Full PDB file with SEQRES, HELIX, SHEET, SSBOND, CRYST1, ORIGX, SCALE, CONECT and MASTER records, all heavy atoms in Angstrom:
SEQRES   1 A   37  ARG LEU SER ALA LEU TRP ASN VAL ILE GLY SER VAL PRO          
SEQRES   2 A   37  VAL VAL ALA GLY ALA PHE ALA SER GLY TYR VAL SER ASP          
SEQRES   3 A   37  HIS LEU ALA ALA ALA GLU ALA PHE PHE LEU VAL                  
HELIX    1 AA1 LEU A    2  HIS A   27  1                                  26    
HELIX    2 AA2 ALA A   30  LEU A   36  1                                   7    
CRYST1    1.000    1.000    1.000  90.00  90.00  90.00 P 1           1          
ORIGX1      1.000000  0.000000  0.000000        0.00000                         
ORIGX2      0.000000  1.000000  0.000000        0.00000                         
ORIGX3      0.000000  0.000000  1.000000        0.00000                         
SCALE1      1.000000  0.000000  0.000000        0.00000                         
SCALE2      0.000000  1.000000  0.000000        0.00000                         
SCALE3      0.000000  0.000000  1.000000        0.00000                         
ATOM      1  N   ARG A   1       8.615  16.671   7.250  1.00  0.00           N  
ATOM      2  CA  ARG A   1       7.616  17.113   6.287  1.00  0.00           C  
ATOM      3  C   ARG A   1       7.141  15.962   5.410  1.00  0.00           C  
ATOM      4  O   ARG A   1       5.947  15.858   5.093  1.00  0.00           O  
ATOM      5  CB  ARG A   1       8.195  18.247   5.435  1.00  0.00           C  
ATOM      6  CG  ARG A   1       8.217  19.612   6.122  1.00  0.00           C  
ATOM      7  CD  ARG A   1       9.133  20.595   5.428  1.00  0.00           C  
ATOM      8  NE  ARG A   1      10.534  20.275   5.675  1.00  0.00           N  
ATOM      9  CZ  ARG A   1      11.547  20.929   5.127  1.00  0.00           C  
ATOM     10  NH1 ARG A   1      11.304  21.915   4.279  1.00  0.00           N  
ATOM     11  NH2 ARG A   1      12.799  20.587   5.412  1.00  0.00           N  
ATOM     12  N   LEU A   2       8.052  15.079   5.025  1.00  0.00           N  
ATOM     13  CA  LEU A   2       7.655  13.931   4.222  1.00  0.00           C  
ATOM     14  C   LEU A   2       6.825  12.943   5.042  1.00  0.00           C  
ATOM     15  O   LEU A   2       5.922  12.309   4.501  1.00  0.00           O  
ATOM     16  CB  LEU A   2       8.896  13.247   3.641  1.00  0.00           C  
ATOM     17  CG  LEU A   2       9.597  14.020   2.508  1.00  0.00           C  
ATOM     18  CD1 LEU A   2      10.891  13.324   2.100  1.00  0.00           C  
ATOM     19  CD2 LEU A   2       8.676  14.153   1.299  1.00  0.00           C  
ATOM     20  N   SER A   3       7.112  12.814   6.324  1.00  0.00           N  
ATOM     21  CA  SER A   3       6.288  11.980   7.187  1.00  0.00           C  
ATOM     22  C   SER A   3       4.866  12.527   7.265  1.00  0.00           C  
ATOM     23  O   SER A   3       3.889  11.781   7.167  1.00  0.00           O  
ATOM     24  CB  SER A   3       6.890  11.910   8.593  1.00  0.00           C  
ATOM     25  OG  SER A   3       6.018  11.248   9.491  1.00  0.00           O  
ATOM     26  N   ALA A   4       4.740  13.844   7.433  1.00  0.00           N  
ATOM     27  CA  ALA A   4       3.419  14.472   7.475  1.00  0.00           C  
ATOM     28  C   ALA A   4       2.677  14.267   6.161  1.00  0.00           C  
ATOM     29  O   ALA A   4       1.491  13.919   6.150  1.00  0.00           O  
ATOM     30  CB  ALA A   4       3.562  15.968   7.782  1.00  0.00           C  
ATOM     31  N   LEU A   5       3.381  14.468   5.042  1.00  0.00           N  
ATOM     32  CA  LEU A   5       2.781  14.275   3.723  1.00  0.00           C  
ATOM     33  C   LEU A   5       2.332  12.834   3.541  1.00  0.00           C  
ATOM     34  O   LEU A   5       1.200  12.574   3.083  1.00  0.00           O  
ATOM     35  CB  LEU A   5       3.786  14.659   2.638  1.00  0.00           C  
ATOM     36  CG  LEU A   5       3.323  14.438   1.195  1.00  0.00           C  
ATOM     37  CD1 LEU A   5       2.372  15.530   0.771  1.00  0.00           C  
ATOM     38  CD2 LEU A   5       4.518  14.379   0.237  1.00  0.00           C  
ATOM     39  N   TRP A   6       3.193  11.892   3.853  1.00  0.00           N  
ATOM     40  CA  TRP A   6       2.917  10.465   3.739  1.00  0.00           C  
ATOM     41  C   TRP A   6       1.647  10.112   4.512  1.00  0.00           C  
ATOM     42  O   TRP A   6       0.745   9.448   3.989  1.00  0.00           O  
ATOM     43  CB  TRP A   6       4.125   9.691   4.263  1.00  0.00           C  
ATOM     44  CG  TRP A   6       4.080   8.206   4.114  1.00  0.00           C  
ATOM     45  CD1 TRP A   6       2.990   7.424   3.859  1.00  0.00           C  
ATOM     46  CD2 TRP A   6       5.191   7.313   4.229  1.00  0.00           C  
ATOM     47  NE1 TRP A   6       3.356   6.104   3.807  1.00  0.00           N  
ATOM     48  CE2 TRP A   6       4.696   6.005   4.031  1.00  0.00           C  
ATOM     49  CE3 TRP A   6       6.556   7.496   4.488  1.00  0.00           C  
ATOM     50  CZ2 TRP A   6       5.535   4.883   4.091  1.00  0.00           C  
ATOM     51  CZ3 TRP A   6       7.387   6.381   4.541  1.00  0.00           C  
ATOM     52  CH2 TRP A   6       6.880   5.092   4.344  1.00  0.00           C  
ATOM     53  N   ASN A   7       1.560  10.562   5.745  1.00  0.00           N  
ATOM     54  CA  ASN A   7       0.414  10.233   6.579  1.00  0.00           C  
ATOM     55  C   ASN A   7      -0.873  10.910   6.106  1.00  0.00           C  
ATOM     56  O   ASN A   7      -1.951  10.303   6.134  1.00  0.00           O  
ATOM     57  CB  ASN A   7       0.708  10.614   8.028  1.00  0.00           C  
ATOM     58  CG  ASN A   7       1.593   9.597   8.737  1.00  0.00           C  
ATOM     59  OD1 ASN A   7       1.208   8.458   8.942  1.00  0.00           O  
ATOM     60  ND2 ASN A   7       2.797  10.019   9.106  1.00  0.00           N  
ATOM     61  N   VAL A   8      -0.782  12.167   5.671  1.00  0.00           N  
ATOM     62  CA  VAL A   8      -1.973  12.881   5.201  1.00  0.00           C  
ATOM     63  C   VAL A   8      -2.544  12.211   3.954  1.00  0.00           C  
ATOM     64  O   VAL A   8      -3.736  11.885   3.883  1.00  0.00           O  
ATOM     65  CB  VAL A   8      -1.655  14.360   4.916  1.00  0.00           C  
ATOM     66  CG1 VAL A   8      -2.819  15.014   4.152  1.00  0.00           C  
ATOM     67  CG2 VAL A   8      -1.403  15.115   6.206  1.00  0.00           C  
ATOM     68  N   ILE A   9      -1.687  12.007   2.951  1.00  0.00           N  
ATOM     69  CA  ILE A   9      -2.147  11.406   1.694  1.00  0.00           C  
ATOM     70  C   ILE A   9      -2.593   9.966   1.914  1.00  0.00           C  
ATOM     71  O   ILE A   9      -3.588   9.518   1.351  1.00  0.00           O  
ATOM     72  CB  ILE A   9      -1.046  11.467   0.620  1.00  0.00           C  
ATOM     73  CG1 ILE A   9      -0.606  12.904   0.372  1.00  0.00           C  
ATOM     74  CG2 ILE A   9      -1.540  10.838  -0.679  1.00  0.00           C  
ATOM     75  CD1 ILE A   9      -1.681  13.815  -0.144  1.00  0.00           C  
ATOM     76  N   GLY A  10      -1.867   9.234   2.759  1.00  0.00           N  
ATOM     77  CA  GLY A  10      -2.219   7.850   3.035  1.00  0.00           C  
ATOM     78  C   GLY A  10      -3.539   7.697   3.757  1.00  0.00           C  
ATOM     79  O   GLY A  10      -4.171   6.633   3.696  1.00  0.00           O  
ATOM     80  N   SER A  11      -3.993   8.757   4.430  1.00  0.00           N  
ATOM     81  CA  SER A  11      -5.269   8.706   5.142  1.00  0.00           C  
ATOM     82  C   SER A  11      -6.465   8.811   4.201  1.00  0.00           C  
ATOM     83  O   SER A  11      -7.562   8.360   4.540  1.00  0.00           O  
ATOM     84  CB  SER A  11      -5.351   9.845   6.175  1.00  0.00           C  
ATOM     85  OG  SER A  11      -4.341   9.726   7.159  1.00  0.00           O  
ATOM     86  N   VAL A  12      -6.257   9.396   3.030  1.00  0.00           N  
ATOM     87  CA  VAL A  12      -7.371   9.650   2.107  1.00  0.00           C  
ATOM     88  C   VAL A  12      -8.094   8.357   1.705  1.00  0.00           C  
ATOM     89  O   VAL A  12      -9.325   8.266   1.837  1.00  0.00           O  
ATOM     90  CB  VAL A  12      -6.888  10.432   0.869  1.00  0.00           C  
ATOM     91  CG1 VAL A  12      -8.008  10.534  -0.170  1.00  0.00           C  
ATOM     92  CG2 VAL A  12      -6.403  11.817   1.267  1.00  0.00           C  
ATOM     93  N   PRO A  13      -7.380   7.311   1.212  1.00  0.00           N  
ATOM     94  CA  PRO A  13      -8.093   6.076   0.853  1.00  0.00           C  
ATOM     95  C   PRO A  13      -8.772   5.412   2.047  1.00  0.00           C  
ATOM     96  O   PRO A  13      -9.838   4.800   1.894  1.00  0.00           O  
ATOM     97  CB  PRO A  13      -6.990   5.178   0.271  1.00  0.00           C  
ATOM     98  CG  PRO A  13      -5.896   6.104  -0.119  1.00  0.00           C  
ATOM     99  CD  PRO A  13      -5.951   7.221   0.890  1.00  0.00           C  
ATOM    100  N   VAL A  14      -8.149   5.510   3.234  1.00  0.00           N  
ATOM    101  CA  VAL A  14      -8.722   4.899   4.428  1.00  0.00           C  
ATOM    102  C   VAL A  14     -10.055   5.564   4.785  1.00  0.00           C  
ATOM    103  O   VAL A  14     -11.062   4.901   5.038  1.00  0.00           O  
ATOM    104  CB  VAL A  14      -7.744   4.993   5.614  1.00  0.00           C  
ATOM    105  CG1 VAL A  14      -8.381   4.414   6.880  1.00  0.00           C  
ATOM    106  CG2 VAL A  14      -6.442   4.266   5.294  1.00  0.00           C  
ATOM    107  N   VAL A  15     -10.052   6.894   4.801  1.00  0.00           N  
ATOM    108  CA  VAL A  15     -11.262   7.638   5.136  1.00  0.00           C  
ATOM    109  C   VAL A  15     -12.344   7.418   4.077  1.00  0.00           C  
ATOM    110  O   VAL A  15     -13.499   7.137   4.393  1.00  0.00           O  
ATOM    111  CB  VAL A  15     -10.952   9.145   5.279  1.00  0.00           C  
ATOM    112  CG1 VAL A  15     -12.241   9.925   5.530  1.00  0.00           C  
ATOM    113  CG2 VAL A  15      -9.965   9.374   6.416  1.00  0.00           C  
ATOM    114  N   ALA A  16     -11.948   7.535   2.818  1.00  0.00           N  
ATOM    115  CA  ALA A  16     -12.910   7.351   1.731  1.00  0.00           C  
ATOM    116  C   ALA A  16     -13.493   5.942   1.739  1.00  0.00           C  
ATOM    117  O   ALA A  16     -14.696   5.753   1.532  1.00  0.00           O  
ATOM    118  CB  ALA A  16     -12.241   7.645   0.392  1.00  0.00           C  
ATOM    119  N   GLY A  17     -12.638   4.948   1.984  1.00  0.00           N  
ATOM    120  CA  GLY A  17     -13.107   3.564   2.016  1.00  0.00           C  
ATOM    121  C   GLY A  17     -14.095   3.307   3.134  1.00  0.00           C  
ATOM    122  O   GLY A  17     -15.067   2.569   2.975  1.00  0.00           O  
ATOM    123  N   ALA A  18     -13.844   3.920   4.284  1.00  0.00           N  
ATOM    124  CA  ALA A  18     -14.727   3.721   5.432  1.00  0.00           C  
ATOM    125  C   ALA A  18     -16.123   4.281   5.187  1.00  0.00           C  
ATOM    126  O   ALA A  18     -17.130   3.682   5.563  1.00  0.00           O  
ATOM    127  CB  ALA A  18     -14.115   4.361   6.676  1.00  0.00           C  
ATOM    128  N   PHE A  19     -16.183   5.454   4.553  1.00  0.00           N  
ATOM    129  CA  PHE A  19     -17.473   6.099   4.344  1.00  0.00           C  
ATOM    130  C   PHE A  19     -18.169   5.660   3.054  1.00  0.00           C  
ATOM    131  O   PHE A  19     -19.390   5.753   2.940  1.00  0.00           O  
ATOM    132  CB  PHE A  19     -17.313   7.618   4.341  1.00  0.00           C  
ATOM    133  CG  PHE A  19     -17.070   8.208   5.692  1.00  0.00           C  
ATOM    134  CD1 PHE A  19     -15.817   8.656   6.051  1.00  0.00           C  
ATOM    135  CD2 PHE A  19     -18.082   8.280   6.616  1.00  0.00           C  
ATOM    136  CE1 PHE A  19     -15.576   9.192   7.305  1.00  0.00           C  
ATOM    137  CE2 PHE A  19     -17.868   8.812   7.881  1.00  0.00           C  
ATOM    138  CZ  PHE A  19     -16.605   9.269   8.225  1.00  0.00           C  
ATOM    139  N   ALA A  20     -17.386   5.198   2.093  1.00  0.00           N  
ATOM    140  CA  ALA A  20     -17.964   4.858   0.795  1.00  0.00           C  
ATOM    141  C   ALA A  20     -18.059   3.353   0.557  1.00  0.00           C  
ATOM    142  O   ALA A  20     -18.338   2.928  -0.554  1.00  0.00           O  
ATOM    143  CB  ALA A  20     -17.137   5.492  -0.332  1.00  0.00           C  
ATOM    144  N   SER A  21     -17.825   2.551   1.604  1.00  0.00           N  
ATOM    145  CA  SER A  21     -17.800   1.103   1.424  1.00  0.00           C  
ATOM    146  C   SER A  21     -19.113   0.573   0.869  1.00  0.00           C  
ATOM    147  O   SER A  21     -19.132  -0.280  -0.024  1.00  0.00           O  
ATOM    148  CB  SER A  21     -17.459   0.407   2.748  1.00  0.00           C  
ATOM    149  OG  SER A  21     -18.407   0.744   3.749  1.00  0.00           O  
ATOM    150  N   GLY A  22     -20.207   1.059   1.393  1.00  0.00           N  
ATOM    151  CA  GLY A  22     -21.503   0.603   0.912  1.00  0.00           C  
ATOM    152  C   GLY A  22     -21.744   0.979  -0.538  1.00  0.00           C  
ATOM    153  O   GLY A  22     -22.210   0.160  -1.337  1.00  0.00           O  
ATOM    154  N   TYR A  23     -21.423   2.217  -0.893  1.00  0.00           N  
ATOM    155  CA  TYR A  23     -21.618   2.669  -2.266  1.00  0.00           C  
ATOM    156  C   TYR A  23     -20.742   1.878  -3.231  1.00  0.00           C  
ATOM    157  O   TYR A  23     -21.199   1.457  -4.297  1.00  0.00           O  
ATOM    158  CB  TYR A  23     -21.293   4.161  -2.371  1.00  0.00           C  
ATOM    159  CG  TYR A  23     -21.482   4.722  -3.760  1.00  0.00           C  
ATOM    160  CD1 TYR A  23     -22.731   5.202  -4.168  1.00  0.00           C  
ATOM    161  CD2 TYR A  23     -20.418   4.781  -4.666  1.00  0.00           C  
ATOM    162  CE1 TYR A  23     -22.909   5.713  -5.444  1.00  0.00           C  
ATOM    163  CE2 TYR A  23     -20.590   5.286  -5.939  1.00  0.00           C  
ATOM    164  CZ  TYR A  23     -21.834   5.749  -6.321  1.00  0.00           C  
ATOM    165  OH  TYR A  23     -22.009   6.241  -7.594  1.00  0.00           O  
ATOM    166  N   VAL A  24     -19.481   1.694  -2.841  1.00  0.00           N  
ATOM    167  CA  VAL A  24     -18.555   0.939  -3.689  1.00  0.00           C  
ATOM    168  C   VAL A  24     -19.059  -0.480  -3.902  1.00  0.00           C  
ATOM    169  O   VAL A  24     -19.040  -1.003  -5.017  1.00  0.00           O  
ATOM    170  CB  VAL A  24     -17.141   0.929  -3.061  1.00  0.00           C  
ATOM    171  CG1 VAL A  24     -16.227  -0.041  -3.807  1.00  0.00           C  
ATOM    172  CG2 VAL A  24     -16.542   2.321  -3.071  1.00  0.00           C  
ATOM    173  N   SER A  25     -19.527  -1.111  -2.829  1.00  0.00           N  
ATOM    174  CA  SER A  25     -20.018  -2.474  -2.930  1.00  0.00           C  
ATOM    175  C   SER A  25     -21.221  -2.583  -3.861  1.00  0.00           C  
ATOM    176  O   SER A  25     -21.371  -3.563  -4.589  1.00  0.00           O  
ATOM    177  CB  SER A  25     -20.382  -2.993  -1.529  1.00  0.00           C  
ATOM    178  OG  SER A  25     -20.888  -4.197  -1.544  1.00  0.00           O  
ATOM    179  N   ASP A  26     -22.073  -1.547  -3.867  1.00  0.00           N  
ATOM    180  CA  ASP A  26     -23.283  -1.582  -4.678  1.00  0.00           C  
ATOM    181  C   ASP A  26     -23.061  -1.173  -6.126  1.00  0.00           C  
ATOM    182  O   ASP A  26     -23.794  -1.615  -7.015  1.00  0.00           O  
ATOM    183  CB  ASP A  26     -24.356  -0.678  -4.057  1.00  0.00           C  
ATOM    184  CG  ASP A  26     -24.851  -1.199  -2.702  1.00  0.00           C  
ATOM    185  OD1 ASP A  26     -24.738  -2.419  -2.455  1.00  0.00           O  
ATOM    186  OD2 ASP A  26     -25.348  -0.374  -1.904  1.00  0.00           O  
ATOM    187  N   HIS A  27     -22.068  -0.322  -6.406  1.00  0.00           N  
ATOM    188  CA  HIS A  27     -21.937   0.262  -7.731  1.00  0.00           C  
ATOM    189  C   HIS A  27     -20.680  -0.139  -8.485  1.00  0.00           C  
ATOM    190  O   HIS A  27     -20.543   0.195  -9.661  1.00  0.00           O  
ATOM    191  CB  HIS A  27     -21.973   1.802  -7.624  1.00  0.00           C  
ATOM    192  CG  HIS A  27     -23.283   2.334  -7.156  1.00  0.00           C  
ATOM    193  ND1 HIS A  27     -23.641   2.404  -5.828  1.00  0.00           N  
ATOM    194  CD2 HIS A  27     -24.349   2.831  -7.859  1.00  0.00           C  
ATOM    195  CE1 HIS A  27     -24.858   2.915  -5.717  1.00  0.00           C  
ATOM    196  NE2 HIS A  27     -25.303   3.180  -6.927  1.00  0.00           N  
ATOM    197  N   LEU A  28     -19.762  -0.830  -7.832  1.00  0.00           N  
ATOM    198  CA  LEU A  28     -18.521  -1.208  -8.497  1.00  0.00           C  
ATOM    199  C   LEU A  28     -18.346  -2.715  -8.434  1.00  0.00           C  
ATOM    200  O   LEU A  28     -18.170  -3.288  -7.360  1.00  0.00           O  
ATOM    201  CB  LEU A  28     -17.324  -0.509  -7.840  1.00  0.00           C  
ATOM    202  CG  LEU A  28     -15.974  -0.594  -8.576  1.00  0.00           C  
ATOM    203  CD1 LEU A  28     -16.045   0.150  -9.901  1.00  0.00           C  
ATOM    204  CD2 LEU A  28     -14.856  -0.019  -7.714  1.00  0.00           C  
ATOM    205  N   ALA A  29     -18.417  -3.359  -9.587  1.00  0.00           N  
ATOM    206  CA  ALA A  29     -18.234  -4.803  -9.636  1.00  0.00           C  
ATOM    207  C   ALA A  29     -16.796  -5.166  -9.325  1.00  0.00           C  
ATOM    208  O   ALA A  29     -15.880  -4.360  -9.496  1.00  0.00           O  
ATOM    209  CB  ALA A  29     -18.628  -5.339 -11.014  1.00  0.00           C  
ATOM    210  N   ALA A  30     -16.596  -6.400  -8.887  1.00  0.00           N  
ATOM    211  CA  ALA A  30     -15.259  -6.833  -8.503  1.00  0.00           C  
ATOM    212  C   ALA A  30     -14.273  -6.716  -9.659  1.00  0.00           C  
ATOM    213  O   ALA A  30     -13.143  -6.251  -9.494  1.00  0.00           O  
ATOM    214  CB  ALA A  30     -15.309  -8.268  -7.982  1.00  0.00           C  
ATOM    215  N   ALA A  31     -14.695  -7.145 -10.863  1.00  0.00           N  
ATOM    216  CA  ALA A  31     -13.819  -7.054 -12.027  1.00  0.00           C  
ATOM    217  C   ALA A  31     -13.435  -5.607 -12.316  1.00  0.00           C  
ATOM    218  O   ALA A  31     -12.292  -5.304 -12.663  1.00  0.00           O  
ATOM    219  CB  ALA A  31     -14.494  -7.686 -13.245  1.00  0.00           C  
ATOM    220  N   GLU A  32     -14.395  -4.696 -12.166  1.00  0.00           N  
ATOM    221  CA  GLU A  32     -14.122  -3.284 -12.401  1.00  0.00           C  
ATOM    222  C   GLU A  32     -13.137  -2.737 -11.370  1.00  0.00           C  
ATOM    223  O   GLU A  32     -12.281  -1.905 -11.696  1.00  0.00           O  
ATOM    224  CB  GLU A  32     -15.426  -2.493 -12.367  1.00  0.00           C  
ATOM    225  CG  GLU A  32     -16.383  -2.830 -13.508  1.00  0.00           C  
ATOM    226  CD  GLU A  32     -17.736  -2.173 -13.332  1.00  0.00           C  
ATOM    227  OE1 GLU A  32     -18.054  -1.751 -12.192  1.00  0.00           O  
ATOM    228  OE2 GLU A  32     -18.492  -2.085 -14.327  1.00  0.00           O  
ATOM    229  N   ALA A  33     -13.240  -3.189 -10.125  1.00  0.00           N  
ATOM    230  CA  ALA A  33     -12.326  -2.744  -9.078  1.00  0.00           C  
ATOM    231  C   ALA A  33     -10.896  -3.173  -9.378  1.00  0.00           C  
ATOM    232  O   ALA A  33      -9.955  -2.380  -9.244  1.00  0.00           O  
ATOM    233  CB  ALA A  33     -12.781  -3.297  -7.727  1.00  0.00           C  
ATOM    234  N   PHE A  34     -10.716  -4.424  -9.789  1.00  0.00           N  
ATOM    235  CA  PHE A  34      -9.381  -4.900 -10.141  1.00  0.00           C  
ATOM    236  C   PHE A  34      -8.822  -4.145 -11.348  1.00  0.00           C  
ATOM    237  O   PHE A  34      -7.630  -3.833 -11.398  1.00  0.00           O  
ATOM    238  CB  PHE A  34      -9.408  -6.398 -10.412  1.00  0.00           C  
ATOM    239  CG  PHE A  34      -9.434  -7.244  -9.171  1.00  0.00           C  
ATOM    240  CD1 PHE A  34     -10.566  -7.971  -8.832  1.00  0.00           C  
ATOM    241  CD2 PHE A  34      -8.335  -7.305  -8.335  1.00  0.00           C  
ATOM    242  CE1 PHE A  34     -10.601  -8.737  -7.688  1.00  0.00           C  
ATOM    243  CE2 PHE A  34      -8.367  -8.078  -7.182  1.00  0.00           C  
ATOM    244  CZ  PHE A  34      -9.502  -8.791  -6.858  1.00  0.00           C  
ATOM    245  N   PHE A  35      -9.690  -3.864 -12.311  1.00  0.00           N  
ATOM    246  CA  PHE A  35      -9.258  -3.122 -13.483  1.00  0.00           C  
ATOM    247  C   PHE A  35      -8.828  -1.701 -13.097  1.00  0.00           C  
ATOM    248  O   PHE A  35      -7.851  -1.171 -13.624  1.00  0.00           O  
ATOM    249  CB  PHE A  35     -10.381  -3.076 -14.520  1.00  0.00           C  
ATOM    250  CG  PHE A  35      -9.973  -2.474 -15.833  1.00  0.00           C  
ATOM    251  CD1 PHE A  35      -9.102  -3.132 -16.684  1.00  0.00           C  
ATOM    252  CD2 PHE A  35     -10.456  -1.227 -16.209  1.00  0.00           C  
ATOM    253  CE1 PHE A  35      -8.715  -2.564 -17.884  1.00  0.00           C  
ATOM    254  CE2 PHE A  35     -10.076  -0.660 -17.416  1.00  0.00           C  
ATOM    255  CZ  PHE A  35      -9.204  -1.334 -18.254  1.00  0.00           C  
ATOM    256  N   LEU A  36      -9.532  -1.085 -12.148  1.00  0.00           N  
ATOM    257  CA  LEU A  36      -9.185   0.255 -11.679  1.00  0.00           C  
ATOM    258  C   LEU A  36      -7.828   0.252 -10.981  1.00  0.00           C  
ATOM    259  O   LEU A  36      -7.023   1.175 -11.173  1.00  0.00           O  
ATOM    260  CB  LEU A  36     -10.270   0.766 -10.732  1.00  0.00           C  
ATOM    261  CG  LEU A  36     -10.151   2.216 -10.244  1.00  0.00           C  
ATOM    262  CD1 LEU A  36     -10.102   3.184 -11.421  1.00  0.00           C  
ATOM    263  CD2 LEU A  36     -11.321   2.565  -9.309  1.00  0.00           C  
ATOM    264  N   VAL A  37      -7.557  -0.766 -10.179  1.00  0.00           N  
ATOM    265  CA  VAL A  37      -6.254  -0.890  -9.535  1.00  0.00           C  
ATOM    266  C   VAL A  37      -5.150  -1.024 -10.581  1.00  0.00           C  
ATOM    267  O   VAL A  37      -4.066  -0.455 -10.443  1.00  0.00           O  
ATOM    268  CB  VAL A  37      -6.234  -2.089  -8.562  1.00  0.00           C  
ATOM    269  CG1 VAL A  37      -4.813  -2.376  -8.067  1.00  0.00           C  
ATOM    270  CG2 VAL A  37      -7.148  -1.830  -7.388  1.00  0.00           C  
TER     271      VAL A  37                                                      
MASTER        0    0    0    2    0    0    0    6  270    1    0    3          
END                                                                             
């Protein structure tokens, strides 16, 4: 169950990053990205 949870939650940033890469690049400055991390 923890393996399933790990993989499901871990997929969210990957999927979001793939589809939102263009938007992130246009609307989020590098300094802001580091600050968010």
